[in-house]
Amino acid sequence: MIKDTVSFPDFVKLDLRVGTIVTAQPVNGSERLMQMEIDLGEEVGKREIIAGIALQYKPEELLNRQVIVLVNLEPKKMMGLESQGMVLAGGDKEIALLQPDKVIPNGTVIR
């Protein structure tokens, strides 16, 4: 199902950037959630992000991987931890992280 159309001014409010996962560990008490520290470059810094990817990825598979992050998403508490953004991924049963096709600087803005 395609969601409602958004205006261009609404779309440009999204702050999407490239970041590198520097730490990853499963969240205690959850089989789906992974806690990651992501380096988003000098302007943004490092952020803690919780994502429902633990069934698809082991922590060691995530280290040093570049991903696309929505950095201006309102923080959300999950399992007592605060997630400060969203790692973009696609799929329903089989989830795949979205990532650049080559290494680019952390903090690079997606346009």
PDB file of N, CA and C in Angstrom:
ATOM      1  N   MET A   1       0.841  -1.179   0.000  1.00  0.00           N
ATOM      2  CA  MET A   1       0.000   0.000   0.000  1.00  0.00           C
ATOM      3  C   MET A   1       0.885   1.240   0.000  1.00  0.00           C
ATOM      4  N   ILE A   2       0.632   2.147  -0.904  1.00  0.00           N
ATOM      5  CA  ILE A   2       1.376   3.393  -0.984  1.00  0.00           C
ATOM      6  C   ILE A   2       0.769   4.387   0.004  1.00  0.00           C
ATOM      7  N   LYS A   3       1.623   5.036   0.767  1.00  0.00           N
ATOM      8  CA  LYS A   3       1.162   6.012   1.755  1.00  0.00           C
ATOM      9  C   LYS A   3       0.769   7.314   1.064  1.00  0.00           C
ATOM     10  N   ASP A   4       0.122   8.201   1.819  1.00  0.00           N
ATOM     11  CA  ASP A   4      -0.300   9.490   1.288  1.00  0.00           C
ATOM     12  C   ASP A   4       0.890  10.285   0.759  1.00  0.00           C
ATOM     13  N   THR A   5       0.657  11.068  -0.262  1.00  0.00           N
ATOM     14  CA  THR A   5       1.673  11.945  -0.837  1.00  0.00           C
ATOM     15  C   THR A   5       2.067  13.010   0.167  1.00  0.00           C
ATOM     16  N   VAL A   6       3.368  13.315   0.218  1.00  0.00           N
ATOM     17  CA  VAL A   6       3.850  14.410   1.060  1.00  0.00           C
ATOM     18  C   VAL A   6       4.369  15.515   0.151  1.00  0.00           C
ATOM     19  N   SER A   7       4.338  16.720   0.650  1.00  0.00           N
ATOM     20  CA  SER A   7       4.837  17.847  -0.129  1.00  0.00           C
ATOM     21  C   SER A   7       6.362  17.883  -0.062  1.00  0.00           C
ATOM     22  N   PHE A   8       6.978  18.547  -1.033  1.00  0.00           N
ATOM     23  CA  PHE A   8       8.429  18.673  -1.032  1.00  0.00           C
ATOM     24  C   PHE A   8       8.919  19.382   0.230  1.00  0.00           C
ATOM     25  N   PRO A   9       8.261  20.468   0.674  1.00  0.00           N
ATOM     26  CA  PRO A   9       8.708  21.101   1.929  1.00  0.00           C
ATOM     27  C   PRO A   9       8.683  20.150   3.125  1.00  0.00           C
ATOM     28  N   ASP A  10       7.732  19.218   3.167  1.00  0.00           N
ATOM     29  CA  ASP A  10       7.713  18.231   4.250  1.00  0.00           C
ATOM     30  C   ASP A  10       8.875  17.260   4.102  1.00  0.00           C
ATOM     31  N   PHE A  11       9.156  16.823   2.883  1.00  0.00           N
ATOM     32  CA  PHE A  11      10.247  15.885   2.638  1.00  0.00           C
ATOM     33  C   PHE A  11      11.593  16.472   3.053  1.00  0.00           C
ATOM     34  N   VAL A  12      11.848  17.738   2.731  1.00  0.00           N
ATOM     35  CA  VAL A  12      13.160  18.324   3.028  1.00  0.00           C
ATOM     36  C   VAL A  12      13.373  18.557   4.521  1.00  0.00           C
ATOM     37  N   LYS A  13      12.346  18.366   5.326  1.00  0.00           N
ATOM     38  CA  LYS A  13      12.510  18.454   6.778  1.00  0.00           C
ATOM     39  C   LYS A  13      13.285  17.253   7.317  1.00  0.00           C
ATOM     40  N   LEU A  14      13.304  16.151   6.561  1.00  0.00           N
ATOM     41  CA  LEU A  14      14.021  14.952   6.997  1.00  0.00           C
ATOM     42  C   LEU A  14      15.518  15.176   6.867  1.00  0.00           C
ATOM     43  N   ASP A  15      16.254  14.876   7.928  1.00  0.00           N
ATOM     44  CA  ASP A  15      17.717  15.002   7.922  1.00  0.00           C
ATOM     45  C   ASP A  15      18.299  13.587   7.862  1.00  0.00           C
ATOM     46  N   LEU A  16      18.631  13.153   6.647  1.00  0.00           N
ATOM     47  CA  LEU A  16      19.188  11.827   6.407  1.00  0.00           C
ATOM     48  C   LEU A  16      20.685  11.953   6.203  1.00  0.00           C
ATOM     49  N   ARG A  17      21.457  11.150   6.945  1.00  0.00           N
ATOM     50  CA  ARG A  17      22.919  11.229   6.867  1.00  0.00           C
ATOM     51  C   ARG A  17      23.539   9.835   6.891  1.00  0.00           C
ATOM     52  N   VAL A  18      24.779   9.784   6.428  1.00  0.00           N
ATOM     53  CA  VAL A  18      25.565   8.554   6.459  1.00  0.00           C
ATOM     54  C   VAL A  18      26.282   8.477   7.794  1.00  0.00           C
ATOM     55  N   GLY A  19      26.277   7.289   8.387  1.00  0.00           N
ATOM     56  CA  GLY A  19      27.004   7.060   9.628  1.00  0.00           C
ATOM     57  C   GLY A  19      27.629   5.684   9.626  1.00  0.00           C
ATOM     58  N   THR A  20      28.589   5.488  10.526  1.00  0.00           N
ATOM     59  CA  THR A  20      29.260   4.201  10.666  1.00  0.00           C
ATOM     60  C   THR A  20      28.955   3.611  12.035  1.00  0.00           C
ATOM     61  N   ILE A  21      28.547   2.353  12.052  1.00  0.00           N
ATOM     62  CA  ILE A  21      28.248   1.663  13.304  1.00  0.00           C
ATOM     63  C   ILE A  21      29.571   1.341  13.999  1.00  0.00           C
ATOM     64  N   VAL A  22      29.749   1.883  15.219  1.00  0.00           N
ATOM     65  CA  VAL A  22      31.004   1.661  15.953  1.00  0.00           C
ATOM     66  C   VAL A  22      30.859   0.640  17.076  1.00  0.00           C
ATOM     67  N   THR A  23      29.653   0.466  17.599  1.00  0.00           N
ATOM     68  CA  THR A  23      29.386  -0.604  18.563  1.00  0.00           C
ATOM     69  C   THR A  23      27.996  -1.161  18.282  1.00  0.00           C
ATOM     70  N   ALA A  24      27.804  -2.432  18.627  1.00  0.00           N
ATOM     71  CA  ALA A  24      26.491  -3.067  18.475  1.00  0.00           C
ATOM     72  C   ALA A  24      26.374  -4.187  19.502  1.00  0.00           C
ATOM     73  N   GLN A  25      25.210  -4.240  20.143  1.00  0.00           N
ATOM     74  CA  GLN A  25      24.950  -5.310  21.098  1.00  0.00           C
ATOM     75  C   GLN A  25      23.447  -5.537  21.194  1.00  0.00           C
ATOM     76  N   PRO A  26      23.044  -6.798  21.395  1.00  0.00           N
ATOM     77  CA  PRO A  26      21.617  -7.074  21.568  1.00  0.00           C
ATOM     78  C   PRO A  26      21.098  -6.388  22.832  1.00  0.00           C
ATOM     79  N   VAL A  27      19.846  -6.002  22.810  1.00  0.00           N
ATOM     80  CA  VAL A  27      19.206  -5.396  23.982  1.00  0.00           C
ATOM     81  C   VAL A  27      18.732  -6.517  24.889  1.00  0.00           C
ATOM     82  N   ASN A  28      19.140  -6.471  26.155  1.00  0.00           N
ATOM     83  CA  ASN A  28      18.720  -7.477  27.141  1.00  0.00           C
ATOM     84  C   ASN A  28      17.200  -7.505  27.251  1.00  0.00           C
ATOM     85  N   GLY A  29      16.637  -8.707  27.202  1.00  0.00           N
ATOM     86  CA  GLY A  29      15.200  -8.864  27.338  1.00  0.00           C
ATOM     87  C   GLY A  29      14.437  -8.786  26.037  1.00  0.00           C
ATOM     88  N   SER A  30      15.132  -8.593  24.917  1.00  0.00           N
ATOM     89  CA  SER A  30      14.476  -8.520  23.619  1.00  0.00           C
ATOM     90  C   SER A  30      15.242  -9.371  22.616  1.00  0.00           C
ATOM     91  N   GLU A  31      14.519 -10.154  21.845  1.00  0.00           N
ATOM     92  CA  GLU A  31      15.205 -10.939  20.812  1.00  0.00           C
ATOM     93  C   GLU A  31      15.336 -10.174  19.503  1.00  0.00           C
ATOM     94  N   ARG A  32      14.565  -9.105  19.321  1.00  0.00           N
ATOM     95  CA  ARG A  32      14.565  -8.330  18.070  1.00  0.00           C
ATOM     96  C   ARG A  32      15.454  -7.091  18.089  1.00  0.00           C
ATOM     97  N   LEU A  33      15.654  -6.477  19.249  1.00  0.00           N
ATOM     98  CA  LEU A  33      16.293  -5.162  19.291  1.00  0.00           C
ATOM     99  C   LEU A  33      17.814  -5.228  19.417  1.00  0.00           C
ATOM    100  N   MET A  34      18.467  -4.333  18.678  1.00  0.00           N
ATOM    101  CA  MET A  34      19.920  -4.168  18.702  1.00  0.00           C
ATOM    102  C   MET A  34      20.213  -2.719  19.087  1.00  0.00           C
ATOM    103  N   GLN A  35      21.127  -2.539  20.041  1.00  0.00           N
ATOM    104  CA  GLN A  35      21.569  -1.207  20.448  1.00  0.00           C
ATOM    105  C   GLN A  35      22.889  -0.920  19.744  1.00  0.00           C
ATOM    106  N   MET A  36      22.954   0.221  19.056  1.00  0.00           N
ATOM    107  CA  MET A  36      24.153   0.581  18.304  1.00  0.00           C
ATOM    108  C   MET A  36      24.585   1.999  18.630  1.00  0.00           C
ATOM    109  N   GLU A  37      25.884   2.220  18.610  1.00  0.00           N
ATOM    110  CA  GLU A  37      26.428   3.570  18.634  1.00  0.00           C
ATOM    111  C   GLU A  37      26.880   3.848  17.208  1.00  0.00           C
ATOM    112  N   ILE A  38      26.410   4.970  16.651  1.00  0.00           N
ATOM    113  CA  ILE A  38      26.697   5.287  15.263  1.00  0.00           C
ATOM    114  C   ILE A  38      27.401   6.637  15.192  1.00  0.00           C
ATOM    115  N   ASP A  39      28.530   6.662  14.517  1.00  0.00           N
ATOM    116  CA  ASP A  39      29.303   7.892  14.309  1.00  0.00           C
ATOM    117  C   ASP A  39      28.730   8.602  13.098  1.00  0.00           C
ATOM    118  N   LEU A  40      28.160   9.789  13.332  1.00  0.00           N
ATOM    119  CA  LEU A  40      27.526  10.576  12.277  1.00  0.00           C
ATOM    120  C   LEU A  40      28.334  11.819  11.918  1.00  0.00           C
ATOM    121  N   GLY A  41      29.626  11.793  12.168  1.00  0.00           N
ATOM    122  CA  GLY A  41      30.503  12.891  11.773  1.00  0.00           C
ATOM    123  C   GLY A  41      30.565  13.995  12.815  1.00  0.00           C
ATOM    124  N   GLU A  42      31.398  14.984  12.538  1.00  0.00           N
ATOM    125  CA  GLU A  42      31.672  16.058  13.499  1.00  0.00           C
ATOM    126  C   GLU A  42      30.453  16.881  13.873  1.00  0.00           C
ATOM    127  N   GLU A  43      29.607  17.226  12.904  1.00  0.00           N
ATOM    128  CA  GLU A  43      28.470  18.105  13.177  1.00  0.00           C
ATOM    129  C   GLU A  43      27.451  17.451  14.111  1.00  0.00           C
ATOM    130  N   VAL A  44      27.158  16.184  13.906  1.00  0.00           N
ATOM    131  CA  VAL A  44      26.144  15.483  14.697  1.00  0.00           C
ATOM    132  C   VAL A  44      26.768  14.729  15.863  1.00  0.00           C
ATOM    133  N   GLY A  45      27.914  14.126  15.652  1.00  0.00           N
ATOM    134  CA  GLY A  45      28.564  13.332  16.691  1.00  0.00           C
ATOM    135  C   GLY A  45      28.089  11.891  16.670  1.00  0.00           C
ATOM    136  N   LYS A  46      28.219  11.218  17.813  1.00  0.00           N
ATOM    137  CA  LYS A  46      27.800   9.824  17.927  1.00  0.00           C
ATOM    138  C   LYS A  46      26.409   9.769  18.547  1.00  0.00           C
ATOM    139  N   ARG A  47      25.614   8.813  18.084  1.00  0.00           N
ATOM    140  CA  ARG A  47      24.254   8.640  18.587  1.00  0.00           C
ATOM    141  C   ARG A  47      24.006   7.186  18.947  1.00  0.00           C
ATOM    142  N   GLU A  48      23.221   6.983  19.996  1.00  0.00           N
ATOM    143  CA  GLU A  48      22.734   5.653  20.353  1.00  0.00           C
ATOM    144  C   GLU A  48      21.422   5.436  19.613  1.00  0.00           C
ATOM    145  N   ILE A  49      21.335   4.347  18.878  1.00  0.00           N
ATOM    146  CA  ILE A  49      20.129   4.039  18.119  1.00  0.00           C
ATOM    147  C   ILE A  49      19.753   2.585  18.375  1.00  0.00           C
ATOM    148  N   ILE A  50      18.463   2.374  18.621  1.00  0.00           N
ATOM    149  CA  ILE A  50      17.919   1.041  18.836  1.00  0.00           C
ATOM    150  C   ILE A  50      17.137   0.670  17.576  1.00  0.00           C
ATOM    151  N   ALA A  51      17.395  -0.528  17.050  1.00  0.00           N
ATOM    152  CA  ALA A  51      16.705  -0.966  15.832  1.00  0.00           C
ATOM    153  C   ALA A  51      16.299  -2.425  15.957  1.00  0.00           C
ATOM    154  N   GLY A  52      15.204  -2.787  15.329  1.00  0.00           N
ATOM    155  CA  GLY A  52      14.693  -4.150  15.355  1.00  0.00           C
ATOM    156  C   GLY A  52      15.341  -5.040  14.318  1.00  0.00           C
ATOM    157  N   ILE A  53      16.653  -5.211  14.424  1.00  0.00           N
ATOM    158  CA  ILE A  53      17.404  -5.970  13.413  1.00  0.00           C
ATOM    159  C   ILE A  53      18.170  -7.153  13.988  1.00  0.00           C
ATOM    160  N   ALA A  54      17.977  -7.462  15.262  1.00  0.00           N
ATOM    161  CA  ALA A  54      18.794  -8.488  15.918  1.00  0.00           C
ATOM    162  C   ALA A  54      18.533  -9.902  15.401  1.00  0.00           C
ATOM    163  N   LEU A  55      17.386 -10.145  14.785  1.00  0.00           N
ATOM    164  CA  LEU A  55      17.124 -11.466  14.215  1.00  0.00           C
ATOM    165  C   LEU A  55      17.860 -11.652  12.885  1.00  0.00           C
ATOM    166  N   GLN A  56      18.200 -10.555  12.209  1.00  0.00           N
ATOM    167  CA  GLN A  56      18.856 -10.630  10.906  1.00  0.00           C
ATOM    168  C   GLN A  56      20.373 -10.429  10.959  1.00  0.00           C
ATOM    169  N   TYR A  57      20.858  -9.716  11.976  1.00  0.00           N
ATOM    170  CA  TYR A  57      22.273  -9.367  12.032  1.00  0.00           C
ATOM    171  C   TYR A  57      22.869  -9.702  13.395  1.00  0.00           C
ATOM    172  N   LYS A  58      24.063 -10.238  13.384  1.00  0.00           N
ATOM    173  CA  LYS A  58      24.845 -10.421  14.604  1.00  0.00           C
ATOM    174  C   LYS A  58      25.627  -9.132  14.837  1.00  0.00           C
ATOM    175  N   PRO A  59      25.939  -8.801  16.092  1.00  0.00           N
ATOM    176  CA  PRO A  59      26.679  -7.552  16.365  1.00  0.00           C
ATOM    177  C   PRO A  59      27.957  -7.419  15.541  1.00  0.00           C
ATOM    178  N   GLU A  60      28.726  -8.500  15.423  1.00  0.00           N
ATOM    179  CA  GLU A  60      29.999  -8.418  14.695  1.00  0.00           C
ATOM    180  C   GLU A  60      29.808  -8.150  13.193  1.00  0.00           C
ATOM    181  N   GLU A  61      28.640  -8.466  12.650  1.00  0.00           N
ATOM    182  CA  GLU A  61      28.351  -8.180  11.239  1.00  0.00           C
ATOM    183  C   GLU A  61      28.066  -6.705  11.004  1.00  0.00           C
ATOM    184  N   LEU A  62      27.739  -5.991  12.073  1.00  0.00           N
ATOM    185  CA  LEU A  62      27.366  -4.582  11.955  1.00  0.00           C
ATOM    186  C   LEU A  62      28.545  -3.633  12.131  1.00  0.00           C
ATOM    187  N   LEU A  63      29.575  -4.057  12.849  1.00  0.00           N
ATOM    188  CA  LEU A  63      30.693  -3.163  13.157  1.00  0.00           C
ATOM    189  C   LEU A  63      31.350  -2.623  11.900  1.00  0.00           C
ATOM    190  N   ASN A  64      31.580  -1.314  11.889  1.00  0.00           N
ATOM    191  CA  ASN A  64      32.227  -0.579  10.798  1.00  0.00           C
ATOM    192  C   ASN A  64      31.398  -0.520   9.518  1.00  0.00           C
ATOM    193  N   ARG A  65      30.143  -0.887   9.580  1.00  0.00           N
ATOM    194  CA  ARG A  65      29.262  -0.823   8.418  1.00  0.00           C
ATOM    195  C   ARG A  65      28.665   0.574   8.320  1.00  0.00           C
ATOM    196  N   GLN A  66      28.701   1.154   7.125  1.00  0.00           N
ATOM    197  CA  GLN A  66      28.038   2.437   6.924  1.00  0.00           C
ATOM    198  C   GLN A  66      26.556   2.205   6.657  1.00  0.00           C
ATOM    199  N   VAL A  67      25.728   3.081   7.238  1.00  0.00           N
ATOM    200  CA  VAL A  67      24.278   2.998   7.102  1.00  0.00           C
ATOM    201  C   VAL A  67      23.714   4.394   6.889  1.00  0.00           C
ATOM    202  N   ILE A  68      22.442   4.435   6.513  1.00  0.00           N
ATOM    203  CA  ILE A  68      21.725   5.701   6.362  1.00  0.00           C
ATOM    204  C   ILE A  68      20.865   5.888   7.613  1.00  0.00           C
ATOM    205  N   VAL A  69      20.944   7.089   8.208  1.00  0.00           N
ATOM    206  CA  VAL A  69      20.263   7.361   9.477  1.00  0.00           C
ATOM    207  C   VAL A  69      19.397   8.613   9.349  1.00  0.00           C
ATOM    208  N   LEU A  70      18.171   8.517   9.852  1.00  0.00           N
ATOM    209  CA  LEU A  70      17.316   9.689  10.017  1.00  0.00           C
ATOM    210  C   LEU A  70      17.689  10.286  11.365  1.00  0.00           C
ATOM    211  N   VAL A  71      18.397  11.426  11.338  1.00  0.00           N
ATOM    212  CA  VAL A  71      18.956  11.964  12.582  1.00  0.00           C
ATOM    213  C   VAL A  71      18.027  12.925  13.316  1.00  0.00           C
ATOM    214  N   ASN A  72      17.027  13.475  12.650  1.00  0.00           N
ATOM    215  CA  ASN A  72      16.166  14.435  13.347  1.00  0.00           C
ATOM    216  C   ASN A  72      14.813  13.848  13.735  1.00  0.00           C
ATOM    217  N   LEU A  73      14.782  12.535  13.950  1.00  0.00           N
ATOM    218  CA  LEU A  73      13.586  11.884  14.462  1.00  0.00           C
ATOM    219  C   LEU A  73      13.522  12.110  15.975  1.00  0.00           C
ATOM    220  N   GLU A  74      12.342  12.374  16.470  1.00  0.00           N
ATOM    221  CA  GLU A  74      12.148  12.569  17.905  1.00  0.00           C
ATOM    222  C   GLU A  74      12.649  11.339  18.669  1.00  0.00           C
ATOM    223  N   PRO A  75      13.459  11.535  19.731  1.00  0.00           N
ATOM    224  CA  PRO A  75      13.950  10.385  20.508  1.00  0.00           C
ATOM    225  C   PRO A  75      12.803   9.549  21.057  1.00  0.00           C
ATOM    226  N   LYS A  76      13.042   8.230  21.174  1.00  0.00           N
ATOM    227  CA  LYS A  76      12.015   7.314  21.666  1.00  0.00           C
ATOM    228  C   LYS A  76      12.642   6.310  22.625  1.00  0.00           C
ATOM    229  N   LYS A  77      11.938   6.029  23.720  1.00  0.00           N
ATOM    230  CA  LYS A  77      12.391   5.029  24.695  1.00  0.00           C
ATOM    231  C   LYS A  77      11.879   3.652  24.276  1.00  0.00           C
ATOM    232  N   MET A  78      12.812   2.681  24.289  1.00  0.00           N
ATOM    233  CA  MET A  78      12.474   1.289  24.021  1.00  0.00           C
ATOM    234  C   MET A  78      13.239   0.429  25.011  1.00  0.00           C
ATOM    235  N   MET A  79      12.526  -0.420  25.731  1.00  0.00           N
ATOM    236  CA  MET A  79      13.161  -1.319  26.705  1.00  0.00           C
ATOM    237  C   MET A  79      14.052  -0.543  27.678  1.00  0.00           C
ATOM    238  N   GLY A  80      13.635   0.669  28.048  1.00  0.00           N
ATOM    239  CA  GLY A  80      14.389   1.479  28.989  1.00  0.00           C
ATOM    240  C   GLY A  80      15.576   2.221  28.396  1.00  0.00           C
ATOM    241  N   LEU A  81      15.786   2.102  27.081  1.00  0.00           N
ATOM    242  CA  LEU A  81      16.895   2.781  26.403  1.00  0.00           C
ATOM    243  C   LEU A  81      16.336   3.833  25.455  1.00  0.00           C
ATOM    244  N   GLU A  82      17.076   4.927  25.281  1.00  0.00           N
ATOM    245  CA  GLU A  82      16.620   5.972  24.373  1.00  0.00           C
ATOM    246  C   GLU A  82      17.278   5.824  23.013  1.00  0.00           C
ATOM    247  N   SER A  83      16.453   5.767  21.977  1.00  0.00           N
ATOM    248  CA  SER A  83      16.940   5.734  20.601  1.00  0.00           C
ATOM    249  C   SER A  83      16.922   7.156  20.055  1.00  0.00           C
ATOM    250  N   GLN A  84      18.061   7.603  19.527  1.00  0.00           N
ATOM    251  CA  GLN A  84      18.224   8.990  19.076  1.00  0.00           C
ATOM    252  C   GLN A  84      18.324   9.073  17.555  1.00  0.00           C
ATOM    253  N   GLY A  85      17.404   8.420  16.880  1.00  0.00           N
ATOM    254  CA  GLY A  85      17.380   8.415  15.421  1.00  0.00           C
ATOM    255  C   GLY A  85      16.853   7.090  14.927  1.00  0.00           C
ATOM    256  N   MET A  86      16.924   6.894  13.602  1.00  0.00           N
ATOM    257  CA  MET A  86      16.444   5.653  13.005  1.00  0.00           C
ATOM    258  C   MET A  86      17.381   5.229  11.885  1.00  0.00           C
ATOM    259  N   VAL A  87      17.834   3.984  11.954  1.00  0.00           N
ATOM    260  CA  VAL A  87      18.610   3.395  10.870  1.00  0.00           C
ATOM    261  C   VAL A  87      17.610   2.930   9.819  1.00  0.00           C
ATOM    262  N   LEU A  88      17.832   3.305   8.558  1.00  0.00           N
ATOM    263  CA  LEU A  88      16.894   2.928   7.507  1.00  0.00           C
ATOM    264  C   LEU A  88      17.162   1.509   7.026  1.00  0.00           C
ATOM    265  N   ALA A  89      16.079   0.763   6.892  1.00  0.00           N
ATOM    266  CA  ALA A  89      16.140  -0.618   6.433  1.00  0.00           C
ATOM    267  C   ALA A  89      14.865  -0.906   5.658  1.00  0.00           C
ATOM    268  N   GLY A  90      14.904  -1.931   4.837  1.00  0.00           N
ATOM    269  CA  GLY A  90      13.730  -2.324   4.067  1.00  0.00           C
ATOM    270  C   GLY A  90      13.432  -3.792   4.274  1.00  0.00           C
ATOM    271  N   GLY A  91      12.184  -4.166   4.054  1.00  0.00           N
ATOM    272  CA  GLY A  91      11.786  -5.553   4.127  1.00  0.00           C
ATOM    273  C   GLY A  91      10.805  -5.815   5.240  1.00  0.00           C
ATOM    274  N   ASP A  92      10.146  -6.960   5.138  1.00  0.00           N
ATOM    275  CA  ASP A  92       9.194  -7.384   6.164  1.00  0.00           C
ATOM    276  C   ASP A  92       9.784  -8.524   6.980  1.00  0.00           C
ATOM    277  N   LYS A  93       9.888  -9.697   6.366  1.00  0.00           N
ATOM    278  CA  LYS A  93      10.464 -10.850   7.075  1.00  0.00           C
ATOM    279  C   LYS A  93      11.979 -10.835   7.001  1.00  0.00           C
ATOM    280  N   GLU A  94      12.518 -10.522   5.854  1.00  0.00           N
ATOM    281  CA  GLU A  94      13.970 -10.438   5.661  1.00  0.00           C
ATOM    282  C   GLU A  94      14.335  -8.965   5.548  1.00  0.00           C
ATOM    283  N   ILE A  95      15.012  -8.438   6.559  1.00  0.00           N
ATOM    284  CA  ILE A  95      15.332  -7.009   6.610  1.00  0.00           C
ATOM    285  C   ILE A  95      16.738  -6.771   6.071  1.00  0.00           C
ATOM    286  N   ALA A  96      16.891  -5.716   5.281  1.00  0.00           N
ATOM    287  CA  ALA A  96      18.195  -5.332   4.754  1.00  0.00           C
ATOM    288  C   ALA A  96      18.450  -3.866   5.087  1.00  0.00           C
ATOM    289  N   LEU A  97      19.615  -3.574   5.640  1.00  0.00           N
ATOM    290  CA  LEU A  97      19.993  -2.195   5.950  1.00  0.00           C
ATOM    291  C   LEU A  97      20.295  -1.433   4.663  1.00  0.00           C
ATOM    292  N   LEU A  98      19.895  -0.170   4.628  1.00  0.00           N
ATOM    293  CA  LEU A  98      20.234   0.683   3.491  1.00  0.00           C
ATOM    294  C   LEU A  98      21.606   1.281   3.753  1.00  0.00           C
ATOM    295  N   GLN A  99      22.456   1.265   2.726  1.00  0.00           N
ATOM    296  CA  GLN A  99      23.821   1.756   2.900  1.00  0.00           C
ATOM    297  C   GLN A  99      24.327   2.325   1.591  1.00  0.00           C
ATOM    298  N   PRO A 100      25.328   3.233   1.675  1.00  0.00           N
ATOM    299  CA  PRO A 100      25.911   3.771   0.446  1.00  0.00           C
ATOM    300  C   PRO A 100      26.611   2.656  -0.330  1.00  0.00           C
ATOM    301  N   ASP A 101      26.748   2.834  -1.645  1.00  0.00           N
ATOM    302  CA  ASP A 101      27.410   1.805  -2.444  1.00  0.00           C
ATOM    303  C   ASP A 101      28.929   1.927  -2.423  1.00  0.00           C
ATOM    304  N   LYS A 102      29.440   2.985  -1.773  1.00  0.00           N
ATOM    305  CA  LYS A 102      30.872   3.110  -1.524  1.00  0.00           C
ATOM    306  C   LYS A 102      31.049   3.908  -0.241  1.00  0.00           C
ATOM    307  N   VAL A 103      32.234   3.816   0.354  1.00  0.00           N
ATOM    308  CA  VAL A 103      32.496   4.518   1.615  1.00  0.00           C
ATOM    309  C   VAL A 103      32.568   6.017   1.353  1.00  0.00           C
ATOM    310  N   ILE A 104      31.794   6.775   2.138  1.00  0.00           N
ATOM    311  CA  ILE A 104      31.819   8.240   2.072  1.00  0.00           C
ATOM    312  C   ILE A 104      31.925   8.768   3.500  1.00  0.00           C
ATOM    313  N   PRO A 105      32.289  10.031   3.669  1.00  0.00           N
ATOM    314  CA  PRO A 105      32.492  10.552   5.022  1.00  0.00           C
ATOM    315  C   PRO A 105      31.241  10.470   5.898  1.00  0.00           C
ATOM    316  N   ASN A 106      31.441  10.110   7.160  1.00  0.00           N
ATOM    317  CA  ASN A 106      30.349  10.128   8.127  1.00  0.00           C
ATOM    318  C   ASN A 106      29.788  11.535   8.218  1.00  0.00           C
ATOM    319  N   GLY A 107      28.466  11.617   8.291  1.00  0.00           N
ATOM    320  CA  GLY A 107      27.803  12.909   8.361  1.00  0.00           C
ATOM    321  C   GLY A 107      27.366  13.444   7.006  1.00  0.00           C
ATOM    322  N   THR A 108      27.775  12.774   5.924  1.00  0.00           N
ATOM    323  CA  THR A 108      27.365  13.219   4.592  1.00  0.00           C
ATOM    324  C   THR A 108      25.838  13.257   4.537  1.00  0.00           C
ATOM    325  N   VAL A 109      25.280  14.369   4.075  1.00  0.00           N
ATOM    326  CA  VAL A 109      23.837  14.549   3.985  1.00  0.00           C
ATOM    327  C   VAL A 109      23.325  13.850   2.725  1.00  0.00           C
ATOM    328  N   ILE A 110      22.230  13.100   2.887  1.00  0.00           N
ATOM    329  CA  ILE A 110      21.573  12.446   1.761  1.00  0.00           C
ATOM    330  C   ILE A 110      20.585  13.442   1.177  1.00  0.00           C
ATOM    331  N   ARG A 111      20.717  13.705  -0.104  1.00  0.00           N
ATOM    332  CA  ARG A 111      19.847  14.682  -0.777  1.00  0.00           C
ATOM    333  C   ARG A 111      19.053  14.025  -1.872  1.00  0.00           C
TER     334      ARG A 111
END
